[in-house]
Amino acid sequence: MALRLWGRRVGRAGALAIVIGLSAIVAWTFALSWRPSATSYPYQGLDVDESKGPIDWWTVRAGGADFAYVRATYGGTGRDTRFAANWADVYATGMRRGALHIYSICNLAVDQANNFNTTVPRDRDSLPAAVFIDFTPGCESRPVQRIVIDELRRFMTMVEEHTRKPVLMKLSRRFDAAYGVSAAIPRPVWAVQDFFPPDYAARPWRMWQANDMRRIDGVSGAVNWDVVAP
């Protein structure tokens, strides 16, 4: 009798595990393809870097992308090896294109701005330059807020003199919480939060990275999927 009861319990536990496993698979599959409603957010795109390798941008455009931000530079000296190819190929499809810099508080703003400005050609038809502001791996420095804000302002001023457009701040929640960048610097915000519209910035966001797991044809691996505020 005891063995029979134990067997029933094991059977129920196994069935529950199967249900949980199937639910996880369904949720994962949904997450890989999810994007915000095109009705609510009609202008959607992605941002990529060299880790994606060669990209079939015509297929990406056919998959619903209206624009693309491609990483150009990072830190004071880093340059994305795929930038030139991505920059030209996105333009060839007729999609809007923008260049992205990965900011590091371990490098001087002047060096980072010079790195970006000498890598990205001036193009009046391109989207505003974007800078991703977060704590980067390998950089343990934590300057005081005044220094961080002053350096960011210096970087943006130099880049804006080159591009003639306001810089778009792609700003992580943790960095904004630590330094109050969105409150201190009056620039459009590109906020980051999977699946749910973010609310952490001091001003309404202009762009939202909504899913960093999305898979689309034409790109190897997951991409950051972004939408513009309606």
Protein backbone atom coordinates (compact mmCIF):
# COMPACT_ATOMS: atom_id res chain seq x y z
CA MET A 1 0.00 0.00 0.00
CA ALA A 2 2.79 2.36 0.96
CA LEU A 3 4.66 1.53 -2.25
CA ARG A 4 1.54 2.20 -4.30
CA LEU A 5 1.03 5.58 -2.60
CA TRP A 6 4.67 6.47 -3.11
CA GLY A 7 4.38 5.56 -6.78
CA ARG A 8 1.38 7.83 -7.21
CA ARG A 9 3.23 10.72 -5.63
CA VAL A 10 6.22 10.15 -7.86
CA GLY A 11 3.93 10.04 -10.87
CA ARG A 12 2.28 13.32 -9.92
CA ALA A 13 5.66 14.96 -9.31
CA GLY A 14 6.86 13.75 -12.69
CA ALA A 15 3.77 15.08 -14.42
CA LEU A 16 4.21 18.44 -12.69
CA ALA A 17 7.85 18.56 -13.76
CA ILE A 18 6.83 17.89 -17.35
CA VAL A 19 4.23 20.66 -17.24
CA ILE A 20 6.74 23.10 -15.77
CA GLY A 21 9.33 22.10 -18.36
CA LEU A 22 6.90 22.55 -21.24
CA SER A 23 5.80 25.92 -19.87
CA ALA A 24 9.42 27.03 -19.68
CA ILE A 25 10.00 25.98 -23.28
CA VAL A 26 6.91 27.84 -24.45
CA ALA A 27 7.95 30.96 -22.52
CA TRP A 28 11.49 30.78 -23.90
CA THR A 29 10.27 30.35 -27.46
CA PHE A 30 7.88 33.27 -27.03
CA ALA A 31 10.67 35.47 -25.64
CA LEU A 32 12.94 34.74 -28.60
CA SER A 33 10.40 36.09 -31.07
CA TRP A 34 8.63 38.74 -28.97
CA ARG A 35 8.59 42.40 -29.87
CA PRO A 36 6.29 45.25 -28.80
CA SER A 37 3.14 45.76 -30.83
CA ALA A 38 3.77 47.52 -34.12
CA THR A 39 0.45 49.28 -33.61
CA SER A 40 1.69 50.87 -30.39
CA TYR A 41 5.28 51.28 -31.58
CA PRO A 42 5.31 51.60 -35.37
CA TYR A 43 9.02 52.42 -35.66
CA GLN A 44 11.20 49.46 -34.63
CA GLY A 45 14.77 48.29 -35.18
CA LEU A 46 17.86 46.72 -33.63
CA ASP A 47 21.39 47.39 -32.48
CA VAL A 48 24.32 45.08 -33.14
CA ASP A 49 28.08 44.74 -32.86
CA GLU A 50 30.86 42.70 -34.43
CA SER A 51 29.95 39.58 -32.41
CA LYS A 52 27.07 38.94 -34.84
CA GLY A 53 29.44 38.51 -37.76
CA PRO A 54 28.25 39.27 -41.31
CA ILE A 55 24.57 40.25 -41.37
CA ASP A 56 22.07 39.88 -44.21
CA TRP A 57 20.55 43.33 -43.85
CA TRP A 58 18.01 42.83 -46.64
CA THR A 59 16.57 39.88 -44.70
CA VAL A 60 16.62 41.94 -41.50
CA ARG A 61 14.67 44.69 -43.22
CA ALA A 62 12.16 42.16 -44.56
CA GLY A 63 11.75 40.92 -40.98
CA GLY A 64 10.35 44.24 -39.81
CA ALA A 65 13.36 46.42 -38.95
CA ASP A 66 13.04 50.10 -39.85
CA PHE A 67 16.45 51.18 -38.54
CA ALA A 68 19.70 49.84 -37.12
CA TYR A 69 22.28 51.14 -34.71
CA VAL A 70 25.69 49.60 -35.28
CA ARG A 71 28.51 49.77 -32.78
CA ALA A 72 31.36 51.92 -34.02
CA THR A 73 33.71 52.35 -31.08
CA TYR A 74 34.26 51.52 -27.43
CA GLY A 75 36.40 53.22 -24.84
CA GLY A 76 39.35 55.37 -25.84
CA THR A 77 40.78 53.18 -28.60
CA GLY A 78 38.42 50.28 -29.40
CA ARG A 79 36.91 50.09 -32.87
CA ASP A 80 34.30 47.58 -34.00
CA THR A 81 35.74 45.49 -36.84
CA ARG A 82 32.33 45.20 -38.54
CA PHE A 83 31.40 48.88 -38.35
CA ALA A 84 32.37 49.95 -41.86
CA ALA A 85 30.65 46.96 -43.46
CA ASN A 86 27.50 47.32 -41.36
CA TRP A 87 27.38 51.08 -41.92
CA ALA A 88 27.51 50.65 -45.70
CA ASP A 89 25.22 47.63 -45.85
CA VAL A 90 22.45 49.18 -43.75
CA TYR A 91 22.51 52.24 -46.00
CA ALA A 92 22.24 50.05 -49.10
CA THR A 93 18.91 48.62 -47.90
CA GLY A 94 17.35 52.06 -47.39
CA MET A 95 17.05 51.55 -43.63
CA ARG A 96 17.96 54.42 -41.32
CA ARG A 97 21.32 53.94 -39.61
CA GLY A 98 23.00 55.25 -36.48
CA ALA A 99 26.40 54.76 -34.86
CA LEU A 100 26.88 53.64 -31.25
CA HIS A 101 29.76 54.21 -28.83
CA ILE A 102 30.29 52.16 -25.67
CA TYR A 103 31.37 54.60 -22.96
CA SER A 104 33.85 53.72 -20.23
CA ILE A 105 34.39 55.75 -17.08
CA CYS A 106 37.94 54.37 -17.06
CA ASN A 107 38.88 56.40 -20.17
CA LEU A 108 39.04 60.14 -20.70
CA ALA A 109 36.06 61.64 -22.50
CA VAL A 110 38.34 63.46 -24.95
CA ASP A 111 39.98 60.21 -26.05
CA GLN A 112 36.62 58.49 -26.45
CA ALA A 113 35.11 61.35 -28.46
CA ASN A 114 38.15 61.50 -30.72
CA ASN A 115 37.93 57.75 -31.23
CA PHE A 116 34.28 58.03 -32.27
CA ASN A 117 34.67 61.14 -34.41
CA THR A 118 37.58 59.72 -36.39
CA THR A 119 35.74 56.44 -36.98
CA VAL A 120 32.23 57.60 -37.88
CA PRO A 121 31.83 59.75 -40.99
CA ARG A 122 29.67 62.85 -40.76
CA ASP A 123 26.34 62.10 -42.44
CA ARG A 124 23.44 64.50 -42.21
CA ASP A 125 20.94 61.73 -43.06
CA SER A 126 22.01 59.35 -40.30
CA LEU A 127 20.27 58.95 -36.95
CA PRO A 128 21.72 60.81 -33.96
CA ALA A 129 24.85 59.23 -32.53
CA ALA A 130 24.21 57.10 -29.45
CA VAL A 131 26.37 56.40 -26.43
CA PHE A 132 25.80 53.38 -24.20
CA ILE A 133 26.48 54.37 -20.61
CA ASP A 134 26.91 51.50 -18.16
CA PHE A 135 29.53 49.91 -15.91
CA THR A 136 31.80 48.05 -18.29
CA PRO A 137 33.68 44.80 -17.58
CA GLY A 138 37.27 45.36 -16.49
CA CYS A 139 36.65 48.92 -15.30
CA GLU A 140 36.56 49.05 -11.51
CA SER A 141 36.92 52.83 -11.17
CA ARG A 142 34.00 54.67 -9.54
CA PRO A 143 34.64 58.42 -9.79
CA VAL A 144 32.47 60.89 -7.92
CA GLN A 145 29.31 62.08 -9.65
CA ARG A 146 30.63 65.53 -10.58
CA ILE A 147 33.56 64.06 -12.50
CA VAL A 148 31.41 61.50 -14.30
CA ILE A 149 28.82 64.08 -15.36
CA ASP A 150 31.46 66.60 -16.47
CA GLU A 151 33.24 63.96 -18.54
CA LEU A 152 30.01 62.79 -20.16
CA ARG A 153 29.12 66.36 -21.04
CA ARG A 154 32.55 66.82 -22.59
CA PHE A 155 32.15 63.65 -24.65
CA MET A 156 28.70 64.66 -25.89
CA THR A 157 29.76 68.20 -26.75
CA MET A 158 32.64 66.93 -28.88
CA VAL A 159 30.53 64.30 -30.65
CA GLU A 160 27.73 66.81 -31.28
CA GLU A 161 30.21 69.23 -32.84
CA HIS A 162 31.08 66.44 -35.26
CA THR A 163 27.59 65.08 -35.99
CA ARG A 164 25.60 68.35 -35.57
CA LYS A 165 22.87 66.42 -33.72
CA PRO A 166 22.07 65.82 -30.02
CA VAL A 167 23.55 62.58 -28.70
CA LEU A 168 21.12 59.84 -27.68
CA MET A 169 21.97 58.40 -24.25
CA LYS A 170 21.49 54.63 -24.03
CA LEU A 171 21.49 54.46 -20.27
CA SER A 172 21.35 51.43 -17.97
CA ARG A 173 19.19 51.47 -14.86
CA ARG A 174 22.10 50.72 -12.53
CA PHE A 175 24.29 53.50 -13.90
CA ASP A 176 21.50 56.05 -13.78
CA ALA A 177 20.73 55.04 -10.20
CA ALA A 178 24.38 55.51 -9.24
CA TYR A 179 25.05 58.81 -11.04
CA GLY A 180 21.71 60.43 -11.94
CA VAL A 181 22.74 60.99 -15.54
CA SER A 182 19.25 61.38 -16.98
CA ALA A 183 18.48 64.14 -14.46
CA ALA A 184 21.80 65.94 -14.88
CA ILE A 185 22.20 65.90 -18.67
CA PRO A 186 19.31 67.10 -20.86
CA ARG A 187 19.60 64.63 -23.73
CA PRO A 188 17.11 62.12 -25.16
CA VAL A 189 17.14 58.81 -23.30
CA TRP A 190 17.32 55.31 -24.74
CA ALA A 191 16.19 53.15 -21.82
CA VAL A 192 16.87 49.44 -21.35
CA GLN A 193 14.46 46.87 -19.92
CA ASP A 194 13.25 43.54 -21.28
CA PHE A 195 9.54 43.13 -22.05
CA PHE A 196 8.14 45.94 -19.89
CA PRO A 197 8.39 49.67 -20.68
CA PRO A 198 11.06 51.22 -18.42
CA ASP A 199 10.33 54.00 -15.96
CA TYR A 200 13.65 54.63 -14.23
CA ALA A 201 14.90 57.68 -16.13
CA ALA A 202 14.26 61.21 -14.92
CA ARG A 203 12.62 62.09 -18.24
CA PRO A 204 10.44 60.11 -20.65
CA TRP A 205 12.43 57.80 -22.86
CA ARG A 206 12.68 58.39 -26.60
CA MET A 207 13.80 54.86 -27.39
CA TRP A 208 13.43 51.55 -25.56
CA GLN A 209 15.55 48.41 -25.81
CA ALA A 210 12.68 46.01 -25.28
CA ASN A 211 14.19 42.56 -25.84
CA ASP A 212 17.85 41.51 -25.80
CA MET A 213 16.93 37.90 -26.62
CA ARG A 214 15.17 38.38 -29.95
CA ARG A 215 16.10 36.15 -32.86
CA ILE A 216 15.48 37.31 -36.41
CA ASP A 217 16.43 35.92 -39.79
CA GLY A 218 19.58 37.41 -41.23
CA VAL A 219 21.50 37.64 -37.93
CA SER A 220 23.41 34.95 -36.10
CA GLY A 221 22.37 34.89 -32.45
CA ALA A 222 20.19 37.19 -30.39
CA VAL A 223 19.89 40.90 -31.08
CA ASN A 224 18.84 43.90 -29.04
CA TRP A 225 15.40 44.88 -30.33
CA ASP A 226 14.50 48.56 -29.97
CA VAL A 227 11.43 50.71 -30.45
CA VAL A 228 10.91 54.44 -30.74
CA ALA A 229 8.45 56.17 -28.45
CA PRO A 230 5.13 56.83 -30.24
